[in-house]
Amino acid sequence: MESSLCFPVRLEGQTIYVLDETRLPLEESYLEVKSLEDALEVLGQMKTRAFGQVLLFLYTCALTGEIEGIATAFKKVRPTFDFNSLAGVLKGATQKTPALSAAVASIVQGLDKKKKVRSQRLAEILPYDARILTICNVNGELIYLADALSEMGKTATFFVSETRPYLQGSRLTLWELQRAQLPVQVLCDNQAAVLMQQGLVNCIVTGSDRSTKRGDIINKIGTYALARLAHYFNIPFYVLTQFPLAIDIEDITIEERPPHEVFLWLEGNGPWPDALYPAFDITPAEFISGWIDISGEVACA
């Protein structure tokens, strides 16, 4: 079963339809985007993220006929993600397919195939009784992974951390894995160490928004803590990466979300106490067991 989160954004005619991830799991509804301004509002309000923001960027380029200006605008709203490199990929695709909409369609189709190949490569590495702890959400790729494991005669059990404060784990990942009828349990973010200590988890799988050729990654806040815990308990920590670059990851701007988002679990309009919410953290290569990039290349420490 394919998750709606595999393709949370689609383009139909002159309208982009965006799955409102902030409404899941209670309601599966779509927002209409018809301009760059609409796209930036959806992006800034976290209506879509991860692969959704990639699709939103590509389709906004197709809708407006621009690339570099769209990348600049998107990066201003979500500074940690590398929209400039994505723009470079799109410009490269237009060398083979001059029509921008056709180039976008080719990239989207190619990325989905590559995600399936990446899941296959990871499945080859994981143990036969894979008890997987994950954080945040990787847009349907855990379902691709479960299918690949099953084809190999392996089993998969998932533990999903809630991923505060937006709860992408308990709202999104739990929802899609349950719909696929896969064994899954949600846990509070601060329970991960106990599960590792008790031997209930034998591998960690996360995504990454940025990665370097040295193997460092930037991912959802909380990833670094899981990596350090996994290192302490000698549990392999695997990362699904995008396009590793020769960059100094310490120079990348970490997006600081508005403080009030920390209090999303409260009802009302505030005023809220002050809070810190860096949306991402940096995990150095020394705490990562293996990387599988979007091309399916595997690198293990």
Protein backbone atom coordinates (compact mmCIF):
# COMPACT_ATOMS: atom_id res chain seq x y z
CA MET A 1 0.00 0.00 0.00
CA GLU A 2 1.40 3.37 -0.99
CA SER A 3 1.11 6.21 1.48
CA SER A 4 -0.48 9.54 0.59
CA LEU A 5 2.74 11.02 1.97
CA CYS A 6 4.75 9.49 -0.89
CA PHE A 7 3.42 12.29 -3.11
CA PRO A 8 1.92 14.88 -0.76
CA VAL A 9 1.97 17.55 -3.46
CA ARG A 10 0.68 17.29 -7.02
CA LEU A 11 0.22 19.63 -9.98
CA GLU A 12 -3.00 19.61 -11.97
CA GLY A 13 -3.31 22.24 -14.68
CA GLN A 14 -2.54 25.62 -13.13
CA THR A 15 -3.14 24.52 -9.54
CA ILE A 16 -0.83 22.81 -7.06
CA TYR A 17 -2.62 20.63 -4.52
CA VAL A 18 -0.81 20.28 -1.18
CA LEU A 19 -1.74 17.67 1.41
CA ASP A 20 -2.20 19.64 4.63
CA GLU A 21 0.06 17.62 6.91
CA THR A 22 -0.93 19.73 9.91
CA ARG A 23 -4.46 18.27 9.66
CA LEU A 24 -3.31 14.63 9.71
CA PRO A 25 -4.24 12.16 11.07
CA LEU A 26 -7.71 13.58 11.76
CA GLU A 27 -8.39 14.87 8.25
CA GLU A 28 -6.87 14.20 4.84
CA SER A 29 -7.42 17.51 3.04
CA TYR A 30 -5.63 19.47 0.33
CA LEU A 31 -4.75 23.14 -0.02
CA GLU A 32 -4.81 24.91 -3.39
CA VAL A 33 -1.69 26.82 -4.43
CA LYS A 34 -1.95 29.06 -7.47
CA SER A 35 0.93 31.50 -7.01
CA LEU A 36 4.37 31.91 -5.48
CA GLU A 37 2.78 33.79 -2.58
CA ASP A 38 0.47 30.85 -1.88
CA ALA A 39 3.41 28.45 -2.03
CA LEU A 40 5.49 30.48 0.42
CA GLU A 41 2.60 30.68 2.87
CA VAL A 42 2.08 26.91 2.75
CA LEU A 43 5.82 26.35 3.15
CA GLY A 44 6.20 28.74 6.06
CA GLN A 45 3.23 27.32 7.96
CA MET A 46 4.68 23.77 7.76
CA LYS A 47 1.70 22.53 5.77
CA THR A 48 4.20 20.38 3.93
CA ARG A 49 7.87 19.51 4.56
CA ALA A 50 10.53 16.95 3.61
CA PHE A 51 9.76 15.57 0.12
CA GLY A 52 6.64 17.72 0.03
CA GLN A 53 8.73 20.90 -0.04
CA VAL A 54 10.80 19.45 -2.88
CA LEU A 55 7.64 18.80 -4.88
CA LEU A 56 6.22 22.20 -3.97
CA PHE A 57 9.41 23.89 -5.19
CA LEU A 58 9.48 21.96 -8.46
CA TYR A 59 5.81 22.52 -9.22
CA THR A 60 6.02 26.22 -8.32
CA CYS A 61 8.86 26.53 -10.83
CA ALA A 62 6.70 24.81 -13.45
CA LEU A 63 3.75 27.05 -12.59
CA THR A 64 5.68 30.33 -12.73
CA GLY A 65 8.30 29.50 -15.36
CA GLU A 66 11.09 30.61 -13.00
CA ILE A 67 13.81 28.68 -11.16
CA GLU A 68 16.46 30.82 -9.46
CA GLY A 69 14.01 33.40 -8.10
CA ILE A 70 11.83 30.64 -6.67
CA ALA A 71 14.86 29.02 -5.01
CA THR A 72 15.81 32.32 -3.37
CA ALA A 73 12.28 32.90 -2.10
CA PHE A 74 11.91 29.35 -0.77
CA LYS A 75 15.28 29.45 0.97
CA LYS A 76 14.35 32.68 2.71
CA VAL A 77 11.35 30.93 4.27
CA ARG A 78 13.08 27.57 5.03
CA PRO A 79 16.82 28.41 5.16
CA THR A 80 18.21 25.01 6.18
CA PHE A 81 17.04 23.14 3.08
CA ASP A 82 19.24 23.37 -0.02
CA PHE A 83 16.84 24.79 -2.60
CA ASN A 84 19.76 26.20 -4.59
CA SER A 85 21.12 22.72 -5.33
CA LEU A 86 17.63 21.57 -6.24
CA ALA A 87 17.40 24.50 -8.64
CA GLY A 88 20.69 23.32 -10.17
CA VAL A 89 19.23 19.84 -10.68
CA LEU A 90 16.19 21.33 -12.37
CA LYS A 91 18.27 23.58 -14.63
CA GLY A 92 20.36 20.55 -15.59
CA ALA A 93 17.20 18.63 -16.48
CA THR A 94 16.06 21.41 -18.78
CA GLN A 95 19.19 20.83 -20.88
CA LYS A 96 17.71 17.47 -21.86
CA THR A 97 14.04 18.41 -21.69
CA PRO A 98 13.62 22.11 -22.51
CA ALA A 99 9.97 22.30 -21.44
CA LEU A 100 10.07 23.13 -17.72
CA SER A 101 6.94 21.14 -16.86
CA ALA A 102 8.32 18.06 -18.62
CA ALA A 103 11.67 18.45 -16.83
CA VAL A 104 9.87 18.63 -13.49
CA ALA A 105 7.81 15.52 -14.28
CA SER A 106 10.98 13.64 -15.21
CA ILE A 107 12.71 14.59 -11.95
CA VAL A 108 9.72 13.61 -9.80
CA GLN A 109 9.38 10.23 -11.49
CA GLY A 110 13.11 9.63 -11.21
CA LEU A 111 13.23 10.53 -7.52
CA ASP A 112 10.48 8.07 -6.67
CA LYS A 113 12.31 5.26 -8.47
CA LYS A 114 15.51 6.20 -6.66
CA LYS A 115 13.74 6.17 -3.29
CA LYS A 116 12.60 2.61 -3.97
CA VAL A 117 16.14 1.59 -4.91
CA ARG A 118 17.45 3.26 -1.75
CA SER A 119 14.93 1.35 0.36
CA GLN A 120 16.05 -1.89 -1.29
CA ARG A 121 19.69 -1.15 -0.45
CA LEU A 122 18.84 -0.40 3.17
CA ALA A 123 16.77 -3.57 3.45
CA GLU A 124 19.82 -5.59 2.43
CA ILE A 125 21.75 -4.14 5.39
CA LEU A 126 19.12 -4.48 8.11
CA PRO A 127 18.79 -7.63 10.26
CA TYR A 128 16.18 -10.33 9.55
CA ASP A 129 14.18 -9.26 12.58
CA ALA A 130 14.43 -5.50 12.05
CA ARG A 131 13.18 -3.54 15.07
CA ILE A 132 13.44 -0.02 13.73
CA LEU A 133 13.33 3.22 15.67
CA THR A 134 12.72 6.31 13.57
CA ILE A 135 12.12 10.03 14.00
CA CYS A 136 9.99 12.52 12.06
CA ASN A 137 8.74 11.27 8.66
CA VAL A 138 10.38 10.23 5.40
CA ASN A 139 7.37 10.46 3.07
CA GLY A 140 6.35 6.86 2.53
CA GLU A 141 9.86 5.45 2.32
CA LEU A 142 9.41 3.30 5.42
CA ILE A 143 6.62 1.51 3.57
CA TYR A 144 8.94 0.97 0.61
CA LEU A 145 11.47 -0.36 3.14
CA ALA A 146 8.95 -2.73 4.74
CA ASP A 147 8.01 -4.08 1.29
CA ALA A 148 11.68 -4.65 0.44
CA LEU A 149 12.31 -6.41 3.76
CA SER A 150 9.29 -8.64 3.21
CA GLU A 151 10.51 -9.64 -0.25
CA MET A 152 13.76 -10.78 1.39
CA GLY A 153 11.95 -12.83 4.01
CA LYS A 154 12.75 -10.28 6.71
CA THR A 155 10.34 -8.76 9.21
CA ALA A 156 9.96 -5.16 10.31
CA THR A 157 8.63 -3.70 13.54
CA PHE A 158 8.60 0.08 13.90
CA PHE A 159 8.97 2.34 16.93
CA VAL A 160 8.08 5.91 16.08
CA SER A 161 9.18 8.76 18.31
CA GLU A 162 6.54 11.47 18.60
CA THR A 163 8.96 14.15 17.26
CA ARG A 164 7.92 17.22 19.18
CA PRO A 165 6.78 19.89 18.79
CA TYR A 166 5.07 19.30 15.43
CA LEU A 167 4.61 15.59 16.17
CA GLN A 168 5.44 14.44 12.65
CA GLY A 169 6.20 11.00 14.05
CA SER A 170 3.00 10.41 15.99
CA ARG A 171 0.78 12.23 13.48
CA LEU A 172 2.32 11.29 10.13
CA THR A 173 4.57 8.23 10.38
CA LEU A 174 2.30 6.37 12.80
CA TRP A 175 -0.70 7.16 10.58
CA GLU A 176 0.85 5.89 7.35
CA LEU A 177 2.35 2.75 8.92
CA GLN A 178 -0.95 1.85 10.57
CA ARG A 179 -2.77 2.33 7.27
CA ALA A 180 -0.28 -0.07 5.70
CA GLN A 181 -1.06 -2.55 8.51
CA LEU A 182 2.54 -2.66 9.68
CA PRO A 183 3.44 -3.36 13.32
CA VAL A 184 4.16 0.04 14.88
CA GLN A 185 4.15 1.71 18.27
CA VAL A 186 4.58 5.38 19.09
CA LEU A 187 6.82 6.47 21.95
CA CYS A 188 7.50 9.75 23.69
CA ASP A 189 10.76 11.35 22.56
CA ASN A 190 12.29 10.86 26.01
CA GLN A 191 11.67 7.07 26.00
CA ALA A 192 14.21 6.19 23.32
CA ALA A 193 17.09 5.47 25.71
CA VAL A 194 15.04 2.96 27.72
CA LEU A 195 14.01 1.06 24.58
CA MET A 196 17.64 0.83 23.51
CA GLN A 197 18.74 -0.23 26.99
CA GLN A 198 16.13 -3.01 27.05
CA GLY A 199 17.16 -4.33 23.63
CA LEU A 200 13.80 -3.62 22.01
CA VAL A 201 15.46 -1.67 19.19
CA ASN A 202 18.21 -3.08 16.97
CA CYS A 203 18.56 -0.31 14.37
CA ILE A 204 17.78 3.37 13.86
CA VAL A 205 16.65 4.77 10.49
CA THR A 206 16.31 8.49 9.81
CA GLY A 207 16.17 10.85 6.88
CA SER A 208 18.34 13.93 6.39
CA ASP A 209 17.72 17.37 4.93
CA ARG A 210 21.39 18.06 4.19
CA SER A 211 24.51 15.90 4.12
CA THR A 212 28.20 16.31 3.44
CA LYS A 213 30.63 14.07 1.62
CA ARG A 214 32.31 13.52 5.00
CA GLY A 215 29.05 11.96 6.20
CA ASP A 216 27.72 14.69 8.50
CA ILE A 217 23.99 15.34 8.31
CA ILE A 218 21.38 17.92 9.25
CA ASN A 219 17.98 16.50 10.14
CA LYS A 220 14.95 17.13 12.33
CA ILE A 221 15.82 18.28 15.84
CA GLY A 222 16.29 15.21 18.02
CA THR A 223 18.24 13.21 15.45
CA TYR A 224 21.56 14.07 17.09
CA ALA A 225 20.34 12.80 20.47
CA LEU A 226 19.24 9.49 18.93
CA ALA A 227 22.59 9.11 17.18
CA ARG A 228 24.51 9.66 20.42
CA LEU A 229 22.30 7.17 22.27
CA ALA A 230 22.65 4.59 19.50
CA HIS A 231 26.42 5.02 19.57
CA TYR A 232 26.47 4.46 23.33
CA PHE A 233 24.32 1.31 23.11
CA ASN A 234 26.17 0.03 20.01
CA ILE A 235 23.05 0.08 17.84
CA PRO A 236 23.55 0.79 14.11
CA PHE A 237 22.30 4.20 12.98
CA TYR A 238 21.44 4.47 9.27
CA VAL A 239 20.62 7.62 7.32
CA LEU A 240 18.71 8.12 4.08
CA THR A 241 20.52 11.07 2.50
CA GLN A 242 19.94 13.28 -0.52
CA PHE A 243 22.86 14.62 -2.57
CA PRO A 244 25.99 14.81 -0.35
CA LEU A 245 28.01 17.96 -1.01
CA ALA A 246 31.54 19.12 -0.23
CA ILE A 247 30.36 21.71 2.28
CA ASP A 248 31.13 22.76 5.83
CA ILE A 249 27.94 21.79 7.60
CA GLU A 250 28.68 24.14 10.49
CA ASP A 251 28.21 27.09 8.13
CA ILE A 252 24.63 26.13 7.24
CA THR A 253 21.91 28.25 8.80
CA ILE A 254 19.76 26.22 11.19
CA GLU A 255 16.16 27.32 10.88
CA GLU A 256 14.74 28.83 14.05
CA ARG A 257 10.98 28.33 14.16
CA PRO A 258 8.68 30.77 16.03
CA PRO A 259 8.69 30.14 19.81
CA HIS A 260 4.91 29.75 20.02
CA GLU A 261 5.13 26.53 17.97
CA VAL A 262 6.63 24.79 20.99
CA PHE A 263 3.20 25.18 22.62
CA LEU A 264 1.11 23.67 19.81
CA TRP A 265 -0.33 21.17 22.28
CA LEU A 266 -2.04 24.01 24.16
CA GLU A 267 -5.37 25.45 23.08
CA GLY A 268 -5.95 29.16 22.60
CA ASN A 269 -3.96 32.07 21.22
CA GLY A 270 -1.52 32.75 24.04
CA PRO A 271 0.32 34.75 25.13
CA TRP A 272 2.89 31.97 25.39
CA PRO A 273 6.10 31.86 27.46
CA ASP A 274 9.35 32.34 25.58
CA ALA A 275 10.87 29.18 24.08
CA LEU A 276 13.63 27.87 21.83
CA TYR A 277 12.82 25.88 18.71
CA PRO A 278 15.73 25.18 16.35
CA ALA A 279 14.00 22.96 13.79
CA PHE A 280 17.11 20.92 12.93
CA ASP A 281 20.32 19.64 14.49
CA ILE A 282 23.69 18.47 13.19
CA THR A 283 24.88 14.88 13.57
CA PRO A 284 28.61 14.36 12.90
CA ALA A 285 29.69 11.39 10.78
CA GLU A 286 31.36 9.66 13.72
CA PHE A 287 27.95 8.76 15.18
CA ILE A 288 26.51 7.34 11.95
CA SER A 289 26.90 3.68 10.94
CA GLY A 290 25.88 3.98 7.30
CA TRP A 291 24.52 6.31 4.64
CA ILE A 292 22.35 5.43 1.65
CA ASP A 293 22.04 8.34 -0.74
CA ILE A 294 19.26 8.98 -3.24
CA SER A 295 21.21 7.23 -6.02
CA GLY A 296 21.31 4.04 -3.95
CA GLU A 297 24.99 4.29 -3.11
CA VAL A 298 25.82 2.78 0.29
CA ALA A 299 28.62 3.96 2.54
CA CYS A 300 29.27 2.38 5.94
CA ALA A 301 31.54 3.65 8.66
